[in-house]
Amino acid sequence: MKTKKKVIVSISIVLVLALAAALTYVIWKINMKVVGIQPDYIGYNFDELIETSHVIVKGHIKGRADTFIVRPTNGADDSVFTQYQFEVDDVIRGDVTAGETIGIRFEGGQHGNLNVINMDDDMDFNDNDRMVLFLRRVTVGGGYTTNDEYYIIVGGSGQGIFYLDEDAEAETYVSDSTDYDPLVWSTARAQLVELANELPTNQRGLLEHETEQLKAELESGKITQDEYETTLESYTKYATIID
């Protein structure tokens, strides 16, 4: 009889723990805040894609994605960002080297009770996924820009990513949602290098460039000294990663 009581007590404890876990999950789901975002979409032709890219690389995803909450400088709501680590295998353009690991960041993802759904970008990568990326650096402060090393994908996943075609006989990278020609690497690499050399990089978004442009506007009389100083100060205010 004592053994039976012990069994009944043990089952009761398990049921209580299971009920507590289920209740915790329900409360968590009720408190979940879901936000949908719709970034501005720019339809780049292939030359513009190259011109807009500070870095063009081939490589693979290395390690799991990290999600975190960023508090912007402009008083807008906090948002979730996801960052993947990407190991560079080959460099077409940019100040990175083969073997280097860089951060690729986009807005969207779930962290804690905040779930941000990016309507344009579906970047659910797996470890070792191979691709060619067209990337930008943003170093001017303001908005959700943080003061650390990372890259964003030009045009989001719809334009700036070419995925390895596993079914192709030769090493080939294709765009999932645009009509860009496939990149057959044996010939495309040299063509990309040639285009990258011919087409100048748009430096917009880089602190040094934007500061020079602002100074030129001051010297030409387009803006006042007060406007210059206010804008320059905003360039050096960065968002904060809070979790």
Protein backbone atom coordinates (compact mmCIF):
# COMPACT_ATOMS: atom_id res chain seq x y z
CA MET A 1 0.00 0.00 0.00
CA LYS A 2 2.83 2.42 0.78
CA THR A 3 4.38 1.77 -2.62
CA LYS A 4 1.09 2.59 -4.34
CA LYS A 5 0.88 5.89 -2.44
CA LYS A 6 4.40 6.78 -3.52
CA VAL A 7 3.49 6.08 -7.14
CA ILE A 8 0.35 8.21 -6.88
CA VAL A 9 2.32 11.06 -5.31
CA SER A 10 4.99 10.85 -8.05
CA ILE A 11 2.37 10.94 -10.81
CA SER A 12 0.71 13.92 -9.15
CA ILE A 13 4.00 15.83 -9.05
CA VAL A 14 4.62 15.11 -12.74
CA LEU A 15 1.10 16.31 -13.63
CA VAL A 16 1.56 19.51 -11.60
CA LEU A 17 4.90 20.23 -13.28
CA ALA A 18 3.44 19.56 -16.73
CA LEU A 19 0.48 21.83 -15.98
CA ALA A 20 2.83 24.58 -14.74
CA ALA A 21 4.95 24.31 -17.90
CA ALA A 22 1.86 24.46 -20.11
CA LEU A 23 0.54 27.47 -18.22
CA THR A 24 3.91 29.23 -18.52
CA TYR A 25 3.89 28.62 -22.28
CA VAL A 26 0.34 29.97 -22.64
CA ILE A 27 1.22 33.11 -20.67
CA TRP A 28 4.35 33.55 -22.79
CA LYS A 29 2.33 33.25 -26.00
CA ILE A 30 -0.29 35.71 -24.73
CA ASN A 31 2.44 38.24 -23.93
CA MET A 32 4.16 37.76 -27.29
CA LYS A 33 4.27 40.97 -29.32
CA VAL A 34 4.22 40.37 -33.07
CA VAL A 35 5.22 43.21 -35.39
CA GLY A 36 5.22 43.14 -39.18
CA ILE A 37 7.58 45.41 -41.11
CA GLN A 38 7.61 46.25 -44.81
CA PRO A 39 11.01 47.69 -45.85
CA ASP A 40 11.28 49.96 -48.87
CA TYR A 41 11.94 47.84 -51.95
CA ILE A 42 14.37 49.08 -54.63
CA GLY A 43 14.55 47.19 -57.89
CA TYR A 44 18.24 47.25 -58.88
CA ASN A 45 19.40 46.13 -62.29
CA PHE A 46 22.60 44.09 -62.17
CA ASP A 47 24.95 47.06 -62.74
CA GLU A 48 23.20 48.99 -59.96
CA LEU A 49 23.50 45.98 -57.68
CA ILE A 50 27.27 46.07 -58.17
CA GLU A 51 27.51 49.87 -57.79
CA THR A 52 25.56 49.75 -54.53
CA SER A 53 27.76 47.02 -53.05
CA HIS A 54 30.75 47.88 -50.89
CA VAL A 55 31.61 44.18 -50.69
CA ILE A 56 30.96 41.26 -53.07
CA VAL A 57 31.97 37.84 -51.76
CA LYS A 58 31.43 34.13 -52.14
CA GLY A 59 31.34 31.98 -49.03
CA HIS A 60 29.21 30.00 -46.61
CA ILE A 61 27.20 30.40 -43.42
CA LYS A 62 29.24 29.56 -40.34
CA GLY A 63 27.50 29.02 -37.02
CA ARG A 64 24.00 29.72 -35.79
CA ALA A 65 22.20 33.04 -36.05
CA ASP A 66 22.10 35.44 -33.12
CA THR A 67 19.02 37.55 -32.43
CA PHE A 68 19.01 40.71 -30.33
CA ILE A 69 16.92 43.78 -29.65
CA VAL A 70 18.08 47.17 -30.90
CA ARG A 71 16.87 50.48 -29.45
CA PRO A 72 17.02 53.18 -32.16
CA THR A 73 18.19 56.77 -31.78
CA ASN A 74 14.99 58.36 -33.12
CA GLY A 75 12.53 57.28 -30.44
CA ALA A 76 10.90 54.57 -32.59
CA ASP A 77 10.02 51.17 -31.11
CA ASP A 78 12.70 48.64 -30.32
CA SER A 79 13.15 45.99 -33.00
CA VAL A 80 14.67 42.55 -33.37
CA PHE A 81 17.65 41.95 -35.64
CA THR A 82 19.18 38.65 -36.72
CA GLN A 83 22.86 38.26 -37.49
CA TYR A 84 24.57 35.35 -39.23
CA GLN A 85 28.28 34.65 -39.36
CA PHE A 86 29.54 34.26 -42.91
CA GLU A 87 32.95 32.84 -43.78
CA VAL A 88 34.44 34.41 -46.90
CA ASP A 89 35.90 31.99 -49.44
CA ASP A 90 36.49 34.40 -52.34
CA VAL A 91 36.48 38.21 -52.66
CA ILE A 92 35.33 40.15 -55.72
CA ARG A 93 35.20 43.60 -54.14
CA GLY A 94 35.80 45.09 -50.72
CA ASP A 95 38.14 45.36 -47.79
CA VAL A 96 37.76 41.77 -46.59
CA THR A 97 39.95 38.72 -47.10
CA ALA A 98 39.38 35.05 -47.89
CA GLY A 99 39.10 33.09 -44.65
CA GLU A 100 37.66 36.05 -42.74
CA THR A 101 34.30 35.72 -40.95
CA ILE A 102 31.93 38.69 -41.22
CA GLY A 103 28.53 39.49 -39.72
CA ILE A 104 25.47 39.65 -42.00
CA ARG A 105 22.54 41.46 -40.34
CA PHE A 106 18.90 42.00 -41.21
CA GLU A 107 15.85 43.28 -39.37
CA GLY A 108 13.47 40.56 -38.25
CA GLY A 109 13.38 37.54 -36.00
CA GLN A 110 12.22 36.58 -32.55
CA HIS A 111 13.91 37.49 -29.29
CA GLY A 112 12.16 36.97 -25.98
CA ASN A 113 8.54 38.07 -26.31
CA LEU A 114 9.15 40.26 -29.36
CA ASN A 115 8.67 38.72 -32.81
CA VAL A 116 9.43 40.99 -35.79
CA ILE A 117 8.31 39.59 -39.13
CA ASN A 118 10.08 41.07 -42.15
CA MET A 119 7.63 40.89 -45.06
CA ASP A 120 10.39 41.12 -47.69
CA ASP A 121 13.25 39.05 -46.28
CA ASP A 122 13.15 35.31 -45.62
CA MET A 123 16.68 34.57 -44.50
CA ASP A 124 16.46 31.26 -42.71
CA PHE A 125 19.94 29.97 -43.42
CA ASN A 126 21.54 26.71 -42.38
CA ASP A 127 25.13 26.08 -41.38
CA ASN A 128 27.36 25.69 -44.47
CA ASP A 129 24.80 27.14 -46.90
CA ARG A 130 26.92 28.46 -49.80
CA MET A 131 26.14 31.69 -51.63
CA VAL A 132 27.41 34.84 -53.33
CA LEU A 133 26.50 38.01 -51.43
CA PHE A 134 26.30 41.67 -52.45
CA LEU A 135 26.78 43.69 -49.26
CA ARG A 136 26.87 47.22 -47.87
CA ARG A 137 28.34 48.77 -44.75
CA VAL A 138 26.44 51.53 -42.96
CA THR A 139 28.58 53.57 -40.59
CA VAL A 140 26.50 56.75 -40.32
CA GLY A 141 24.62 56.85 -37.02
CA GLY A 142 20.89 57.28 -36.60
CA GLY A 143 17.90 54.96 -36.67
CA TYR A 144 18.82 51.34 -35.94
CA THR A 145 22.48 51.64 -36.95
CA THR A 146 24.80 50.37 -34.20
CA ASN A 147 28.47 51.22 -33.94
CA ASP A 148 29.97 47.81 -34.64
CA GLU A 149 31.16 45.69 -37.56
CA TYR A 150 28.45 44.14 -39.72
CA TYR A 151 27.05 44.18 -43.26
CA ILE A 152 23.57 44.36 -44.74
CA ILE A 153 22.46 42.64 -47.94
CA VAL A 154 21.87 44.98 -50.89
CA GLY A 155 18.19 44.82 -51.79
CA GLY A 156 17.56 42.16 -49.14
CA SER A 157 17.31 38.46 -49.83
CA GLY A 158 15.42 39.10 -53.07
CA GLN A 159 18.34 40.78 -54.82
CA GLY A 160 21.67 40.59 -53.03
CA ILE A 161 21.87 36.82 -52.55
CA PHE A 162 22.75 34.20 -55.13
CA TYR A 163 22.31 30.67 -53.77
CA LEU A 164 24.33 27.64 -54.82
CA ASP A 165 22.35 25.53 -57.30
CA GLU A 166 22.82 22.03 -55.94
CA ASP A 167 21.46 20.48 -59.15
CA ALA A 168 23.77 22.26 -61.58
CA GLU A 169 26.67 20.29 -63.04
CA ALA A 170 29.09 23.22 -62.73
CA GLU A 171 29.38 25.49 -59.68
CA THR A 172 26.47 27.87 -60.26
CA TYR A 173 24.76 30.49 -58.11
CA VAL A 174 21.20 31.66 -58.80
CA SER A 175 18.88 34.39 -57.57
CA ASP A 176 15.65 33.02 -56.12
CA SER A 177 13.36 35.94 -56.91
CA THR A 178 14.88 38.07 -59.69
CA ASP A 179 15.63 37.60 -63.38
CA TYR A 180 19.38 38.07 -62.94
CA ASP A 181 21.41 35.61 -65.00
CA PRO A 182 22.84 32.64 -63.09
CA LEU A 183 26.46 33.00 -62.03
CA VAL A 184 28.40 30.05 -63.46
CA TRP A 185 31.47 30.59 -61.36
CA SER A 186 34.07 29.37 -63.83
CA THR A 187 33.26 32.34 -66.09
CA ALA A 188 31.18 34.64 -63.88
CA ARG A 189 33.99 35.40 -61.43
CA ALA A 190 36.16 37.12 -64.03
CA GLN A 191 33.14 39.02 -65.36
CA LEU A 192 32.23 40.20 -61.89
CA VAL A 193 35.78 41.37 -61.21
CA GLU A 194 35.76 43.30 -64.49
CA LEU A 195 32.41 44.94 -63.72
CA ALA A 196 33.48 45.74 -60.15
CA ASN A 197 36.54 47.52 -61.52
CA GLU A 198 34.57 49.42 -64.15
CA LEU A 199 31.58 50.47 -62.03
CA PRO A 200 32.41 52.87 -59.17
CA THR A 201 31.10 52.02 -55.73
CA ASN A 202 28.36 54.26 -54.34
CA GLN A 203 29.83 55.43 -51.02
CA ARG A 204 26.49 56.58 -49.60
CA GLY A 205 25.99 55.43 -46.03
CA LEU A 206 29.64 55.61 -45.01
CA LEU A 207 30.47 58.16 -42.31
CA GLU A 208 33.55 59.62 -44.02
CA HIS A 209 31.68 60.14 -47.31
CA GLU A 210 28.57 61.63 -45.70
CA THR A 211 30.68 63.97 -43.57
CA GLU A 212 32.52 65.21 -46.66
CA GLN A 213 29.22 65.78 -48.46
CA LEU A 214 27.87 67.69 -45.48
CA LYS A 215 30.97 69.89 -45.34
CA ALA A 216 30.62 70.66 -49.05
CA GLU A 217 27.01 71.74 -48.49
CA LEU A 218 28.15 74.07 -45.70
CA GLU A 219 30.90 75.61 -47.83
CA SER A 220 28.52 76.13 -50.74
CA GLY A 221 25.99 77.89 -48.50
CA LYS A 222 23.34 75.22 -49.00
CA ILE A 223 23.09 74.72 -45.23
CA THR A 224 23.87 76.95 -42.25
CA GLN A 225 26.56 76.38 -39.63
CA ASP A 226 23.88 75.36 -37.10
CA GLU A 227 22.38 72.85 -39.56
CA TYR A 228 25.84 71.48 -40.25
CA GLU A 229 26.64 70.98 -36.57
CA THR A 230 23.24 69.46 -35.76
CA THR A 231 23.43 67.00 -38.65
CA LEU A 232 27.05 66.12 -37.93
CA GLU A 233 26.15 65.34 -34.33
CA SER A 234 23.31 63.05 -35.49
CA TYR A 235 25.79 61.11 -37.62
CA THR A 236 27.66 60.06 -34.48
CA LYS A 237 24.64 58.94 -32.43
CA TYR A 238 24.25 55.18 -32.66
CA ALA A 239 21.53 52.75 -31.72
CA THR A 240 22.03 50.46 -28.74
CA ILE A 241 21.83 46.68 -28.50
CA ILE A 242 19.86 46.22 -25.29
CA ASP A 243 19.40 42.43 -25.14
